[in-house]
Amino acid sequence: YEKIGTDQDGRELRLMDILESEPVDVVG
């Protein structure tokens, strides 16, 4: 749940958010 930065829209990103994304979403 540790914050690792923000995405292009300024939303907070956590490591869990990135690693648990669906493969299609990540690639896209």
mmCIF file of all heavy atoms, coordinates in Angstrom:
data_MODEL
# 
_entry.id   MODEL 
# 
loop_
_atom_site.group_PDB 
_atom_site.id 
_atom_site.type_symbol 
_atom_site.label_atom_id 
_atom_site.label_alt_id 
_atom_site.label_comp_id 
_atom_site.label_asym_id 
_atom_site.label_entity_id 
_atom_site.label_seq_id 
_atom_site.pdbx_PDB_ins_code 
_atom_site.Cartn_x 
_atom_site.Cartn_y 
_atom_site.Cartn_z 
_atom_site.occupancy 
_atom_site.B_iso_or_equiv 
_atom_site.pdbx_formal_charge 
_atom_site.auth_seq_id 
_atom_site.auth_comp_id 
_atom_site.auth_asym_id 
_atom_site.auth_atom_id 
_atom_site.pdbx_PDB_model_num 
ATOM 1   N N   . TYR A 1 1  ? 0.821  -1.212 0.000   1.00 0.00 ? 1  TYR A N   1 
ATOM 2   C CA  . TYR A 1 1  ? 0.000  0.000  0.000   1.00 0.00 ? 1  TYR A CA  1 
ATOM 3   C C   . TYR A 1 1  ? 0.856  1.262  0.000   1.00 0.00 ? 1  TYR A C   1 
ATOM 4   O O   . TYR A 1 1  ? 0.334  2.368  0.035   1.00 0.00 ? 1  TYR A O   1 
ATOM 5   C CB  . TYR A 1 1  ? -0.928 0.004  1.220   1.00 0.00 ? 1  TYR A CB  1 
ATOM 6   C CG  . TYR A 1 1  ? -1.966 -1.082 1.166   1.00 0.00 ? 1  TYR A CG  1 
ATOM 7   C CD1 . TYR A 1 1  ? -1.732 -2.325 1.755   1.00 0.00 ? 1  TYR A CD1 1 
ATOM 8   C CD2 . TYR A 1 1  ? -3.176 -0.885 0.510   1.00 0.00 ? 1  TYR A CD2 1 
ATOM 9   C CE1 . TYR A 1 1  ? -2.682 -3.329 1.693   1.00 0.00 ? 1  TYR A CE1 1 
ATOM 10  C CE2 . TYR A 1 1  ? -4.134 -1.886 0.449   1.00 0.00 ? 1  TYR A CE2 1 
ATOM 11  C CZ  . TYR A 1 1  ? -3.878 -3.103 1.039   1.00 0.00 ? 1  TYR A CZ  1 
ATOM 12  O OH  . TYR A 1 1  ? -4.810 -4.100 0.971   1.00 0.00 ? 1  TYR A OH  1 
ATOM 13  N N   . GLU A 1 2  ? 2.181  1.087  -0.043  1.00 0.00 ? 2  GLU A N   1 
ATOM 14  C CA  . GLU A 1 2  ? 3.067  2.248  -0.007  1.00 0.00 ? 2  GLU A CA  1 
ATOM 15  C C   . GLU A 1 2  ? 2.968  3.052  -1.308  1.00 0.00 ? 2  GLU A C   1 
ATOM 16  O O   . GLU A 1 2  ? 2.954  2.504  -2.409  1.00 0.00 ? 2  GLU A O   1 
ATOM 17  C CB  . GLU A 1 2  ? 4.514  1.771  0.187   1.00 0.00 ? 2  GLU A CB  1 
ATOM 18  C CG  . GLU A 1 2  ? 5.505  2.898  0.334   1.00 0.00 ? 2  GLU A CG  1 
ATOM 19  C CD  . GLU A 1 2  ? 6.873  2.359  0.704   1.00 0.00 ? 2  GLU A CD  1 
ATOM 20  O OE1 . GLU A 1 2  ? 6.953  1.212  1.166   1.00 0.00 ? 2  GLU A OE1 1 
ATOM 21  O OE2 . GLU A 1 2  ? 7.842  3.088  0.520   1.00 0.00 ? 2  GLU A OE2 1 
ATOM 22  N N   . LYS A 1 3  ? 2.899  4.386  -1.182  1.00 0.00 ? 3  LYS A N   1 
ATOM 23  C CA  . LYS A 1 3  ? 2.817  5.267  -2.342  1.00 0.00 ? 3  LYS A CA  1 
ATOM 24  C C   . LYS A 1 3  ? 4.146  5.241  -3.100  1.00 0.00 ? 3  LYS A C   1 
ATOM 25  O O   . LYS A 1 3  ? 5.218  5.329  -2.518  1.00 0.00 ? 3  LYS A O   1 
ATOM 26  C CB  . LYS A 1 3  ? 2.507  6.696  -1.902  1.00 0.00 ? 3  LYS A CB  1 
ATOM 27  C CG  . LYS A 1 3  ? 2.430  7.689  -3.058  1.00 0.00 ? 3  LYS A CG  1 
ATOM 28  C CD  . LYS A 1 3  ? 2.172  9.092  -2.548  1.00 0.00 ? 3  LYS A CD  1 
ATOM 29  C CE  . LYS A 1 3  ? 2.218  10.105 -3.698  1.00 0.00 ? 3  LYS A CE  1 
ATOM 30  N NZ  . LYS A 1 3  ? 2.006  11.489 -3.229  1.00 0.00 ? 3  LYS A NZ  1 
ATOM 31  N N   . ILE A 1 4  ? 4.056  5.108  -4.451  1.00 0.00 ? 4  ILE A N   1 
ATOM 32  C CA  . ILE A 1 4  ? 5.280  5.086  -5.249  1.00 0.00 ? 4  ILE A CA  1 
ATOM 33  C C   . ILE A 1 4  ? 5.305  6.225  -6.263  1.00 0.00 ? 4  ILE A C   1 
ATOM 34  O O   . ILE A 1 4  ? 6.273  6.367  -7.017  1.00 0.00 ? 4  ILE A O   1 
ATOM 35  C CB  . ILE A 1 4  ? 5.439  3.738  -5.998  1.00 0.00 ? 4  ILE A CB  1 
ATOM 36  C CG1 . ILE A 1 4  ? 4.251  3.513  -6.926  1.00 0.00 ? 4  ILE A CG1 1 
ATOM 37  C CG2 . ILE A 1 4  ? 5.622  2.600  -5.026  1.00 0.00 ? 4  ILE A CG2 1 
ATOM 38  C CD1 . ILE A 1 4  ? 4.398  2.293  -7.830  1.00 0.00 ? 4  ILE A CD1 1 
ATOM 39  N N   . GLY A 1 5  ? 4.264  7.050  -6.300  1.00 0.00 ? 5  GLY A N   1 
ATOM 40  C CA  . GLY A 1 5  ? 4.256  8.161  -7.246  1.00 0.00 ? 5  GLY A CA  1 
ATOM 41  C C   . GLY A 1 5  ? 2.846  8.465  -7.713  1.00 0.00 ? 5  GLY A C   1 
ATOM 42  O O   . GLY A 1 5  ? 1.867  8.083  -7.060  1.00 0.00 ? 5  GLY A O   1 
ATOM 43  N N   . THR A 1 6  ? 2.728  9.164  -8.832  1.00 0.00 ? 6  THR A N   1 
ATOM 44  C CA  . THR A 1 6  ? 1.421  9.496  -9.400  1.00 0.00 ? 6  THR A CA  1 
ATOM 45  C C   . THR A 1 6  ? 1.409  9.157  -10.883 1.00 0.00 ? 6  THR A C   1 
ATOM 46  O O   . THR A 1 6  ? 2.463  9.117  -11.535 1.00 0.00 ? 6  THR A O   1 
ATOM 47  C CB  . THR A 1 6  ? 1.102  10.991 -9.216  1.00 0.00 ? 6  THR A CB  1 
ATOM 48  O OG1 . THR A 1 6  ? 2.158  11.767 -9.803  1.00 0.00 ? 6  THR A OG1 1 
ATOM 49  C CG2 . THR A 1 6  ? 0.984  11.349 -7.740  1.00 0.00 ? 6  THR A CG2 1 
ATOM 50  N N   . ASP A 1 7  ? 0.207  8.928  -11.430 1.00 0.00 ? 7  ASP A N   1 
ATOM 51  C CA  . ASP A 1 7  ? 0.116  8.651  -12.858 1.00 0.00 ? 7  ASP A CA  1 
ATOM 52  C C   . ASP A 1 7  ? -0.018 9.962  -13.631 1.00 0.00 ? 7  ASP A C   1 
ATOM 53  O O   . ASP A 1 7  ? 0.082  11.060 -13.078 1.00 0.00 ? 7  ASP A O   1 
ATOM 54  C CB  . ASP A 1 7  ? -1.048 7.694  -13.140 1.00 0.00 ? 7  ASP A CB  1 
ATOM 55  C CG  . ASP A 1 7  ? -2.408 8.301  -12.797 1.00 0.00 ? 7  ASP A CG  1 
ATOM 56  O OD1 . ASP A 1 7  ? -2.500 9.536  -12.570 1.00 0.00 ? 7  ASP A OD1 1 
ATOM 57  O OD2 . ASP A 1 7  ? -3.378 7.536  -12.761 1.00 0.00 ? 7  ASP A OD2 1 
ATOM 58  N N   . GLN A 1 8  ? -0.271 9.864  -14.933 1.00 0.00 ? 8  GLN A N   1 
ATOM 59  C CA  . GLN A 1 8  ? -0.307 11.042 -15.798 1.00 0.00 ? 8  GLN A CA  1 
ATOM 60  C C   . GLN A 1 8  ? -1.416 12.014 -15.408 1.00 0.00 ? 8  GLN A C   1 
ATOM 61  O O   . GLN A 1 8  ? -1.317 13.227 -15.611 1.00 0.00 ? 8  GLN A O   1 
ATOM 62  C CB  . GLN A 1 8  ? -0.497 10.593 -17.255 1.00 0.00 ? 8  GLN A CB  1 
ATOM 63  C CG  . GLN A 1 8  ? -0.329 11.724 -18.276 1.00 0.00 ? 8  GLN A CG  1 
ATOM 64  C CD  . GLN A 1 8  ? -0.412 11.195 -19.688 1.00 0.00 ? 8  GLN A CD  1 
ATOM 65  O OE1 . GLN A 1 8  ? -0.670 10.024 -19.899 1.00 0.00 ? 8  GLN A OE1 1 
ATOM 66  N NE2 . GLN A 1 8  ? -0.195 12.056 -20.654 1.00 0.00 ? 8  GLN A NE2 1 
ATOM 67  N N   . ASP A 1 9  ? -2.480 11.485 -14.788 1.00 0.00 ? 9  ASP A N   1 
ATOM 68  C CA  . ASP A 1 9  ? -3.607 12.330 -14.383 1.00 0.00 ? 9  ASP A CA  1 
ATOM 69  C C   . ASP A 1 9  ? -3.482 12.843 -12.958 1.00 0.00 ? 9  ASP A C   1 
ATOM 70  O O   . ASP A 1 9  ? -4.412 13.466 -12.432 1.00 0.00 ? 9  ASP A O   1 
ATOM 71  C CB  . ASP A 1 9  ? -4.921 11.551 -14.532 1.00 0.00 ? 9  ASP A CB  1 
ATOM 72  C CG  . ASP A 1 9  ? -5.178 11.140 -15.975 1.00 0.00 ? 9  ASP A CG  1 
ATOM 73  O OD1 . ASP A 1 9  ? -4.862 11.939 -16.885 1.00 0.00 ? 9  ASP A OD1 1 
ATOM 74  O OD2 . ASP A 1 9  ? -5.680 10.024 -16.170 1.00 0.00 ? 9  ASP A OD2 1 
ATOM 75  N N   . GLY A 1 10 ? -2.336 12.592 -12.321 1.00 0.00 ? 10 GLY A N   1 
ATOM 76  C CA  . GLY A 1 10 ? -2.122 13.085 -10.966 1.00 0.00 ? 10 GLY A CA  1 
ATOM 77  C C   . GLY A 1 10 ? -2.681 12.202 -9.884  1.00 0.00 ? 10 GLY A C   1 
ATOM 78  O O   . GLY A 1 10 ? -2.665 12.572 -8.704  1.00 0.00 ? 10 GLY A O   1 
ATOM 79  N N   . ARG A 1 11 ? -3.183 11.018 -10.236 1.00 0.00 ? 11 ARG A N   1 
ATOM 80  C CA  . ARG A 1 11 ? -3.732 10.111 -9.235  1.00 0.00 ? 11 ARG A CA  1 
ATOM 81  C C   . ARG A 1 11 ? -2.603 9.359  -8.535  1.00 0.00 ? 11 ARG A C   1 
ATOM 82  O O   . ARG A 1 11 ? -1.618 8.969  -9.163  1.00 0.00 ? 11 ARG A O   1 
ATOM 83  C CB  . ARG A 1 11 ? -4.703 9.121  -9.877  1.00 0.00 ? 11 ARG A CB  1 
ATOM 84  C CG  . ARG A 1 11 ? -5.983 9.748  -10.415 1.00 0.00 ? 11 ARG A CG  1 
ATOM 85  C CD  . ARG A 1 11 ? -6.945 8.659  -10.863 1.00 0.00 ? 11 ARG A CD  1 
ATOM 86  N NE  . ARG A 1 11 ? -6.390 7.909  -11.980 1.00 0.00 ? 11 ARG A NE  1 
ATOM 87  C CZ  . ARG A 1 11 ? -6.778 8.054  -13.238 1.00 0.00 ? 11 ARG A CZ  1 
ATOM 88  N NH1 . ARG A 1 11 ? -7.737 8.914  -13.537 1.00 0.00 ? 11 ARG A NH1 1 
ATOM 89  N NH2 . ARG A 1 11 ? -6.230 7.340  -14.205 1.00 0.00 ? 11 ARG A NH2 1 
ATOM 90  N N   . GLU A 1 12 ? -2.785 9.136  -7.241  1.00 0.00 ? 12 GLU A N   1 
ATOM 91  C CA  . GLU A 1 12 ? -1.774 8.428  -6.460  1.00 0.00 ? 12 GLU A CA  1 
ATOM 92  C C   . GLU A 1 12 ? -1.665 6.970  -6.914  1.00 0.00 ? 12 GLU A C   1 
ATOM 93  O O   . GLU A 1 12 ? -2.663 6.296  -7.142  1.00 0.00 ? 12 GLU A O   1 
ATOM 94  C CB  . GLU A 1 12 ? -2.148 8.478  -4.979  1.00 0.00 ? 12 GLU A CB  1 
ATOM 95  C CG  . GLU A 1 12 ? -1.138 7.778  -4.067  1.00 0.00 ? 12 GLU A CG  1 
ATOM 96  C CD  . GLU A 1 12 ? -1.515 7.927  -2.607  1.00 0.00 ? 12 GLU A CD  1 
ATOM 97  O OE1 . GLU A 1 12 ? -1.590 9.083  -2.155  1.00 0.00 ? 12 GLU A OE1 1 
ATOM 98  O OE2 . GLU A 1 12 ? -1.753 6.893  -1.948  1.00 0.00 ? 12 GLU A OE2 1 
ATOM 99  N N   . LEU A 1 13 ? -0.427 6.495  -7.053  1.00 0.00 ? 13 LEU A N   1 
ATOM 100 C CA  . LEU A 1 13 ? -0.181 5.107  -7.441  1.00 0.00 ? 13 LEU A CA  1 
ATOM 101 C C   . LEU A 1 13 ? 0.463  4.368  -6.282  1.00 0.00 ? 13 LEU A C   1 
ATOM 102 O O   . LEU A 1 13 ? 1.373  4.872  -5.644  1.00 0.00 ? 13 LEU A O   1 
ATOM 103 C CB  . LEU A 1 13 ? 0.755  5.038  -8.652  1.00 0.00 ? 13 LEU A CB  1 
ATOM 104 C CG  . LEU A 1 13 ? 0.161  5.321  -10.025 1.00 0.00 ? 13 LEU A CG  1 
ATOM 105 C CD1 . LEU A 1 13 ? 1.272  5.271  -11.064 1.00 0.00 ? 13 LEU A CD1 1 
ATOM 106 C CD2 . LEU A 1 13 ? -0.917 4.314  -10.370 1.00 0.00 ? 13 LEU A CD2 1 
ATOM 107 N N   . ARG A 1 14 ? -0.041 3.156  -6.005  1.00 0.00 ? 14 ARG A N   1 
ATOM 108 C CA  . ARG A 1 14 ? 0.581  2.269  -5.031  1.00 0.00 ? 14 ARG A CA  1 
ATOM 109 C C   . ARG A 1 14 ? 1.147  1.071  -5.784  1.00 0.00 ? 14 ARG A C   1 
ATOM 110 O O   . ARG A 1 14 ? 0.706  0.745  -6.876  1.00 0.00 ? 14 ARG A O   1 
ATOM 111 C CB  . ARG A 1 14 ? -0.453 1.802  -4.004  1.00 0.00 ? 14 ARG A CB  1 
ATOM 112 C CG  . ARG A 1 14 ? -1.079 2.928  -3.186  1.00 0.00 ? 14 ARG A CG  1 
ATOM 113 C CD  . ARG A 1 14 ? -2.277 2.425  -2.418  1.00 0.00 ? 14 ARG A CD  1 
ATOM 114 N NE  . ARG A 1 14 ? -3.316 1.917  -3.301  1.00 0.00 ? 14 ARG A NE  1 
ATOM 115 C CZ  . ARG A 1 14 ? -4.400 1.271  -2.883  1.00 0.00 ? 14 ARG A CZ  1 
ATOM 116 N NH1 . ARG A 1 14 ? -4.570 1.030  -1.613  1.00 0.00 ? 14 ARG A NH1 1 
ATOM 117 N NH2 . ARG A 1 14 ? -5.291 0.846  -3.753  1.00 0.00 ? 14 ARG A NH2 1 
ATOM 118 N N   . LEU A 1 15 ? 2.118  0.411  -5.172  1.00 0.00 ? 15 LEU A N   1 
ATOM 119 C CA  . LEU A 1 15 ? 2.722  -0.761 -5.818  1.00 0.00 ? 15 LEU A CA  1 
ATOM 120 C C   . LEU A 1 15 ? 1.658  -1.812 -6.096  1.00 0.00 ? 15 LEU A C   1 
ATOM 121 O O   . LEU A 1 15 ? 1.648  -2.449 -7.153  1.00 0.00 ? 15 LEU A O   1 
ATOM 122 C CB  . LEU A 1 15 ? 3.811  -1.345 -4.918  1.00 0.00 ? 15 LEU A CB  1 
ATOM 123 C CG  . LEU A 1 15 ? 4.690  -2.445 -5.516  1.00 0.00 ? 15 LEU A CG  1 
ATOM 124 C CD1 . LEU A 1 15 ? 5.365  -1.967 -6.783  1.00 0.00 ? 15 LEU A CD1 1 
ATOM 125 C CD2 . LEU A 1 15 ? 5.713  -2.910 -4.511  1.00 0.00 ? 15 LEU A CD2 1 
ATOM 126 N N   . MET A 1 16 ? 0.712  -1.980 -5.168  1.00 0.00 ? 16 MET A N   1 
ATOM 127 C CA  . MET A 1 16 ? -0.355 -2.964 -5.361  1.00 0.00 ? 16 MET A CA  1 
ATOM 128 C C   . MET A 1 16 ? -1.194 -2.629 -6.585  1.00 0.00 ? 16 MET A C   1 
ATOM 129 O O   . MET A 1 16 ? -1.602 -3.518 -7.333  1.00 0.00 ? 16 MET A O   1 
ATOM 130 C CB  . MET A 1 16 ? -1.241 -3.005 -4.115  1.00 0.00 ? 16 MET A CB  1 
ATOM 131 C CG  . MET A 1 16 ? -2.354 -4.061 -4.193  1.00 0.00 ? 16 MET A CG  1 
ATOM 132 S SD  . MET A 1 16 ? -3.434 -4.021 -2.750  1.00 0.00 ? 16 MET A SD  1 
ATOM 133 C CE  . MET A 1 16 ? -4.301 -2.484 -3.077  1.00 0.00 ? 16 MET A CE  1 
ATOM 134 N N   . ASP A 1 17 ? -1.463 -1.303 -6.801  1.00 0.00 ? 17 ASP A N   1 
ATOM 135 C CA  . ASP A 1 17 ? -2.284 -0.899 -7.945  1.00 0.00 ? 17 ASP A CA  1 
ATOM 136 C C   . ASP A 1 17 ? -1.657 -1.331 -9.252  1.00 0.00 ? 17 ASP A C   1 
ATOM 137 O O   . ASP A 1 17 ? -2.330 -1.763 -10.190 1.00 0.00 ? 17 ASP A O   1 
ATOM 138 C CB  . ASP A 1 17 ? -2.461 0.623  -7.959  1.00 0.00 ? 17 ASP A CB  1 
ATOM 139 C CG  . ASP A 1 17 ? -3.245 1.106  -6.739  1.00 0.00 ? 17 ASP A CG  1 
ATOM 140 O OD1 . ASP A 1 17 ? -4.087 0.332  -6.241  1.00 0.00 ? 17 ASP A OD1 1 
ATOM 141 O OD2 . ASP A 1 17 ? -2.996 2.238  -6.306  1.00 0.00 ? 17 ASP A OD2 1 
ATOM 142 N N   . ILE A 1 18 ? -0.331 -1.209 -9.346  1.00 0.00 ? 18 ILE A N   1 
ATOM 143 C CA  . ILE A 1 18 ? 0.365  -1.529 -10.585 1.00 0.00 ? 18 ILE A CA  1 
ATOM 144 C C   . ILE A 1 18 ? 0.464  -3.029 -10.788 1.00 0.00 ? 18 ILE A C   1 
ATOM 145 O O   . ILE A 1 18 ? 0.122  -3.563 -11.844 1.00 0.00 ? 18 ILE A O   1 
ATOM 146 C CB  . ILE A 1 18 ? 1.773  -0.903 -10.587 1.00 0.00 ? 18 ILE A CB  1 
ATOM 147 C CG1 . ILE A 1 18 ? 1.645  0.620  -10.627 1.00 0.00 ? 18 ILE A CG1 1 
ATOM 148 C CG2 . ILE A 1 18 ? 2.587  -1.391 -11.778 1.00 0.00 ? 18 ILE A CG2 1 
ATOM 149 C CD1 . ILE A 1 18 ? 2.963  1.349  -10.510 1.00 0.00 ? 18 ILE A CD1 1 
ATOM 150 N N   . LEU A 1 19 ? 0.896  -3.751 -9.738  1.00 0.00 ? 19 LEU A N   1 
ATOM 151 C CA  . LEU A 1 19 ? 1.122  -5.179 -9.899  1.00 0.00 ? 19 LEU A CA  1 
ATOM 152 C C   . LEU A 1 19 ? -0.165 -5.979 -10.005 1.00 0.00 ? 19 LEU A C   1 
ATOM 153 O O   . LEU A 1 19 ? -0.186 -7.054 -10.568 1.00 0.00 ? 19 LEU A O   1 
ATOM 154 C CB  . LEU A 1 19 ? 1.963  -5.707 -8.727  1.00 0.00 ? 19 LEU A CB  1 
ATOM 155 C CG  . LEU A 1 19 ? 3.406  -5.204 -8.713  1.00 0.00 ? 19 LEU A CG  1 
ATOM 156 C CD1 . LEU A 1 19 ? 4.132  -5.755 -7.499  1.00 0.00 ? 19 LEU A CD1 1 
ATOM 157 C CD2 . LEU A 1 19 ? 4.145  -5.610 -9.983  1.00 0.00 ? 19 LEU A CD2 1 
ATOM 158 N N   . GLU A 1 20 ? -1.273 -5.442 -9.462  1.00 0.00 ? 20 GLU A N   1 
ATOM 159 C CA  . GLU A 1 20 ? -2.528 -6.177 -9.530  1.00 0.00 ? 20 GLU A CA  1 
ATOM 160 C C   . GLU A 1 20 ? -3.381 -5.762 -10.720 1.00 0.00 ? 20 GLU A C   1 
ATOM 161 O O   . GLU A 1 20 ? -4.488 -6.244 -10.891 1.00 0.00 ? 20 GLU A O   1 
ATOM 162 C CB  . GLU A 1 20 ? -3.320 -5.982 -8.231  1.00 0.00 ? 20 GLU A CB  1 
ATOM 163 C CG  . GLU A 1 20 ? -2.699 -6.726 -7.056  1.00 0.00 ? 20 GLU A CG  1 
ATOM 164 C CD  . GLU A 1 20 ? -3.627 -6.780 -5.863  1.00 0.00 ? 20 GLU A CD  1 
ATOM 165 O OE1 . GLU A 1 20 ? -4.552 -5.957 -5.805  1.00 0.00 ? 20 GLU A OE1 1 
ATOM 166 O OE2 . GLU A 1 20 ? -3.424 -7.655 -5.013  1.00 0.00 ? 20 GLU A OE2 1 
ATOM 167 N N   . SER A 1 21 ? -2.872 -4.854 -11.558 1.00 0.00 ? 21 SER A N   1 
ATOM 168 C CA  . SER A 1 21 ? -3.625 -4.469 -12.747 1.00 0.00 ? 21 SER A CA  1 
ATOM 169 C C   . SER A 1 21 ? -3.780 -5.655 -13.677 1.00 0.00 ? 21 SER A C   1 
ATOM 170 O O   . SER A 1 21 ? -2.913 -6.526 -13.751 1.00 0.00 ? 21 SER A O   1 
ATOM 171 C CB  . SER A 1 21 ? -2.889 -3.350 -13.498 1.00 0.00 ? 21 SER A CB  1 
ATOM 172 O OG  . SER A 1 21 ? -2.803 -2.192 -12.702 1.00 0.00 ? 21 SER A OG  1 
ATOM 173 N N   . GLU A 1 22 ? -4.881 -5.704 -14.397 1.00 0.00 ? 22 GLU A N   1 
ATOM 174 C CA  . GLU A 1 22 ? -5.056 -6.749 -15.393 1.00 0.00 ? 22 GLU A CA  1 
ATOM 175 C C   . GLU A 1 22 ? -3.990 -6.594 -16.470 1.00 0.00 ? 22 GLU A C   1 
ATOM 176 O O   . GLU A 1 22 ? -3.622 -5.480 -16.834 1.00 0.00 ? 22 GLU A O   1 
ATOM 177 C CB  . GLU A 1 22 ? -6.442 -6.638 -16.043 1.00 0.00 ? 22 GLU A CB  1 
ATOM 178 C CG  . GLU A 1 22 ? -7.579 -6.981 -15.104 1.00 0.00 ? 22 GLU A CG  1 
ATOM 179 C CD  . GLU A 1 22 ? -7.547 -8.433 -14.687 1.00 0.00 ? 22 GLU A CD  1 
ATOM 180 O OE1 . GLU A 1 22 ? -7.094 -9.259 -15.509 1.00 0.00 ? 22 GLU A OE1 1 
ATOM 181 O OE2 . GLU A 1 22 ? -7.957 -8.747 -13.569 1.00 0.00 ? 22 GLU A OE2 1 
ATOM 182 N N   . PRO A 1 23 ? -3.458 -7.694 -17.003 1.00 0.00 ? 23 PRO A N   1 
ATOM 183 C CA  . PRO A 1 23 ? -2.403 -7.612 -18.011 1.00 0.00 ? 23 PRO A CA  1 
ATOM 184 C C   . PRO A 1 23 ? -2.744 -6.688 -19.168 1.00 0.00 ? 23 PRO A C   1 
ATOM 185 O O   . PRO A 1 23 ? -1.899 -5.930 -19.639 1.00 0.00 ? 23 PRO A O   1 
ATOM 186 C CB  . PRO A 1 23 ? -2.271 -9.068 -18.473 1.00 0.00 ? 23 PRO A CB  1 
ATOM 187 C CG  . PRO A 1 23 ? -2.721 -9.862 -17.290 1.00 0.00 ? 23 PRO A CG  1 
ATOM 188 C CD  . PRO A 1 23 ? -3.816 -9.068 -16.641 1.00 0.00 ? 23 PRO A CD  1 
ATOM 189 N N   . VAL A 1 24 ? -3.992 -6.742 -19.637 1.00 0.00 ? 24 VAL A N   1 
ATOM 190 C CA  . VAL A 1 24 ? -4.369 -5.896 -20.769 1.00 0.00 ? 24 VAL A CA  1 
ATOM 191 C C   . VAL A 1 24 ? -4.249 -4.434 -20.405 1.00 0.00 ? 24 VAL A C   1 
ATOM 192 O O   . VAL A 1 24 ? -3.780 -3.615 -21.179 1.00 0.00 ? 24 VAL A O   1 
ATOM 193 C CB  . VAL A 1 24 ? -5.811 -6.222 -21.226 1.00 0.00 ? 24 VAL A CB  1 
ATOM 194 C CG1 . VAL A 1 24 ? -6.258 -5.248 -22.308 1.00 0.00 ? 24 VAL A CG1 1 
ATOM 195 C CG2 . VAL A 1 24 ? -5.884 -7.654 -21.750 1.00 0.00 ? 24 VAL A CG2 1 
ATOM 196 N N   . ASP A 1 25 ? -4.672 -4.066 -19.194 1.00 0.00 ? 25 ASP A N   1 
ATOM 197 C CA  . ASP A 1 25 ? -4.593 -2.679 -18.749 1.00 0.00 ? 25 ASP A CA  1 
ATOM 198 C C   . ASP A 1 25 ? -3.149 -2.206 -18.670 1.00 0.00 ? 25 ASP A C   1 
ATOM 199 O O   . ASP A 1 25 ? -2.831 -1.084 -19.039 1.00 0.00 ? 25 ASP A O   1 
ATOM 200 C CB  . ASP A 1 25 ? -5.256 -2.521 -17.383 1.00 0.00 ? 25 ASP A CB  1 
ATOM 201 C CG  . ASP A 1 25 ? -6.758 -2.757 -17.443 1.00 0.00 ? 25 ASP A CG  1 
ATOM 202 O OD1 . ASP A 1 25 ? -7.345 -2.541 -18.524 1.00 0.00 ? 25 ASP A OD1 1 
ATOM 203 O OD2 . ASP A 1 25 ? -7.312 -3.165 -16.422 1.00 0.00 ? 25 ASP A OD2 1 
ATOM 204 N N   . VAL A 1 26 ? -2.283 -3.068 -18.157 1.00 0.00 ? 26 VAL A N   1 
ATOM 205 C CA  . VAL A 1 26 ? -0.876 -2.694 -18.023 1.00 0.00 ? 26 VAL A CA  1 
ATOM 206 C C   . VAL A 1 26 ? -0.263 -2.438 -19.388 1.00 0.00 ? 26 VAL A C   1 
ATOM 207 O O   . VAL A 1 26 ? 0.368  -1.409 -19.635 1.00 0.00 ? 26 VAL A O   1 
ATOM 208 C CB  . VAL A 1 26 ? -0.082 -3.810 -17.287 1.00 0.00 ? 26 VAL A CB  1 
ATOM 209 C CG1 . VAL A 1 26 ? 1.401  -3.483 -17.310 1.00 0.00 ? 26 VAL A CG1 1 
ATOM 210 C CG2 . VAL A 1 26 ? -0.565 -3.938 -15.848 1.00 0.00 ? 26 VAL A CG2 1 
ATOM 211 N N   . VAL A 1 27 ? -0.457 -3.381 -20.314 1.00 0.00 ? 27 VAL A N   1 
ATOM 212 C CA  . VAL A 1 27 ? 0.123  -3.232 -21.646 1.00 0.00 ? 27 VAL A CA  1 
ATOM 213 C C   . VAL A 1 27 ? -0.459 -2.016 -22.351 1.00 0.00 ? 27 VAL A C   1 
ATOM 214 O O   . VAL A 1 27 ? 0.252  -1.251 -23.019 1.00 0.00 ? 27 VAL A O   1 
ATOM 215 C CB  . VAL A 1 27 ? -0.134 -4.512 -22.486 1.00 0.00 ? 27 VAL A CB  1 
ATOM 216 C CG1 . VAL A 1 27 ? 0.341  -4.302 -23.913 1.00 0.00 ? 27 VAL A CG1 1 
ATOM 217 C CG2 . VAL A 1 27 ? 0.575  -5.695 -21.861 1.00 0.00 ? 27 VAL A CG2 1 
ATOM 218 N N   . GLY A 1 28 ? -1.759 -1.795 -22.185 1.00 0.00 ? 28 GLY A N   1 
ATOM 219 C CA  . GLY A 1 28 ? -2.394 -0.676 -22.868 1.00 0.00 ? 28 GLY A CA  1 
ATOM 220 C C   . GLY A 1 28 ? -1.923 0.674  -22.389 1.00 0.00 ? 28 GLY A C   1 
ATOM 221 O O   . GLY A 1 28 ? -2.061 1.670  -23.099 1.00 0.00 ? 28 GLY A O   1 
# 
